[in-house]
């Protein structure tokens, strides 16, 4: 397994685990009807972490490709990262959250 594959595996694993913990705690607090504001926050945090995990993978890929001086792949991952950022900004703007 290459350094890039290990880095991506760590990021994906950490993101899924953190998201799972936040979602599970939020669900338990919701079902127990204890601290509804905290439960709501944990559920949202879990969803945000889950959504950000693939973007973190793209950032790690970009950094690793730049370190390896693999310019074509670095350029492609920068394009993907730009598309992710534009789509997130468009979603916020068109839903009037900004």
Protein backbone atom coordinates (compact mmCIF):
# COMPACT_ATOMS: atom_id res chain seq x y z
CA UNK A 1 0.00 0.00 0.00
CA UNK A 2 1.41 3.38 -1.01
CA UNK A 3 1.66 6.44 1.20
CA UNK A 4 -1.25 8.05 -0.66
CA UNK A 5 -3.46 5.00 -0.14
CA UNK A 6 -2.58 4.87 3.56
CA UNK A 7 -3.30 8.57 4.01
CA UNK A 8 -6.64 8.29 2.25
CA UNK A 9 -7.56 5.20 4.26
CA UNK A 10 -6.81 7.00 7.54
CA UNK A 11 -8.87 10.05 6.53
CA UNK A 12 -11.84 7.98 5.36
CA UNK A 13 -11.73 5.74 8.43
CA UNK A 14 -11.48 8.67 10.84
CA UNK A 15 -14.29 10.54 9.08
CA UNK A 16 -16.66 7.60 9.11
CA UNK A 17 -15.87 6.74 12.73
CA UNK A 18 -16.27 10.34 13.96
CA UNK A 19 -19.51 10.70 12.02
CA UNK A 20 -20.82 7.40 13.36
CA UNK A 21 -20.04 8.36 16.96
CA UNK A 22 -21.70 11.79 16.63
CA UNK A 23 -24.77 10.30 14.94
CA UNK A 24 -25.09 7.48 17.47
CA UNK A 25 -24.79 9.84 20.45
CA UNK A 26 -27.27 12.25 18.88
CA UNK A 27 -29.72 9.44 18.22
CA UNK A 28 -29.38 8.08 21.77
CA UNK A 29 -29.97 11.52 23.27
CA UNK A 30 -32.96 12.01 20.98
CA UNK A 31 -34.50 8.66 21.90
CA UNK A 32 -33.87 9.27 25.60
CA UNK A 33 -35.41 12.75 25.22
CA UNK A 34 -32.43 14.24 27.05
CA UNK A 35 -30.86 17.55 26.00
CA UNK A 36 -32.66 17.99 22.66
CA UNK A 37 -30.42 20.92 21.65
CA UNK A 38 -27.28 18.86 22.18
CA UNK A 39 -28.81 15.89 20.34
CA UNK A 40 -29.75 18.12 17.41
CA UNK A 41 -26.23 19.56 17.31
CA UNK A 42 -24.63 16.11 17.39
CA UNK A 43 -26.85 14.86 14.57
CA UNK A 44 -25.94 17.87 12.45
CA UNK A 45 -22.26 17.47 13.29
CA UNK A 46 -22.38 13.81 12.23
CA UNK A 47 -23.93 14.73 8.89
CA UNK A 48 -21.43 17.55 8.29
CA UNK A 49 -18.49 15.25 9.07
CA UNK A 50 -19.88 12.61 6.73
CA UNK A 51 -20.28 15.17 3.94
CA UNK A 52 -16.79 16.65 4.49
CA UNK A 53 -14.99 13.29 4.50
CA UNK A 54 -14.80 12.91 0.67
CA UNK A 55 -13.65 16.53 0.35
CA UNK A 56 -10.88 15.82 2.86
CA UNK A 57 -9.88 12.85 0.70
CA UNK A 58 -9.52 15.18 -2.31
CA UNK A 59 -7.40 17.61 -0.27
CA UNK A 60 -5.11 14.78 0.89
CA UNK A 61 -4.81 13.53 -2.69
CA UNK A 62 -3.88 17.01 -3.92
CA UNK A 63 -1.19 17.42 -1.26
CA UNK A 64 0.25 13.96 -1.91
CA UNK A 65 0.32 14.47 -5.69
CA UNK A 66 2.04 17.84 -5.21
CA UNK A 67 4.63 16.24 -2.92
CA UNK A 68 5.23 13.53 -5.52
CA UNK A 69 5.45 16.22 -8.24
CA UNK A 70 2.73 14.46 -10.20
CA UNK A 71 1.43 17.65 -11.81
CA UNK A 72 -1.28 16.19 -14.08
CA UNK A 73 -2.99 14.38 -11.20
CA UNK A 74 -2.52 17.34 -8.88
CA UNK A 75 -4.21 19.56 -11.46
CA UNK A 76 -7.11 17.14 -11.82
CA UNK A 77 -7.63 16.90 -8.07
CA UNK A 78 -7.52 20.70 -7.80
CA UNK A 79 -10.25 20.87 -10.44
CA UNK A 80 -12.34 18.37 -8.47
CA UNK A 81 -11.75 20.33 -5.26
CA UNK A 82 -12.78 23.54 -7.02
CA UNK A 83 -15.97 21.90 -8.27
CA UNK A 84 -16.76 20.68 -4.75
CA UNK A 85 -16.25 24.17 -3.33
CA UNK A 86 -18.34 25.85 -6.04
CA UNK A 87 -21.17 23.36 -5.59
CA UNK A 88 -21.15 23.84 -1.80
CA UNK A 89 -21.18 27.62 -2.19
CA UNK A 90 -23.99 27.43 -4.76
CA UNK A 91 -26.04 25.22 -2.44
CA UNK A 92 -25.64 27.73 0.38
CA UNK A 93 -26.43 30.74 -1.80
CA UNK A 94 -29.41 29.23 -3.59
CA UNK A 95 -30.86 28.02 -0.29
CA UNK A 96 -30.34 31.52 1.14
CA UNK A 97 -28.09 30.33 3.98
CA UNK A 98 -25.42 32.94 3.31
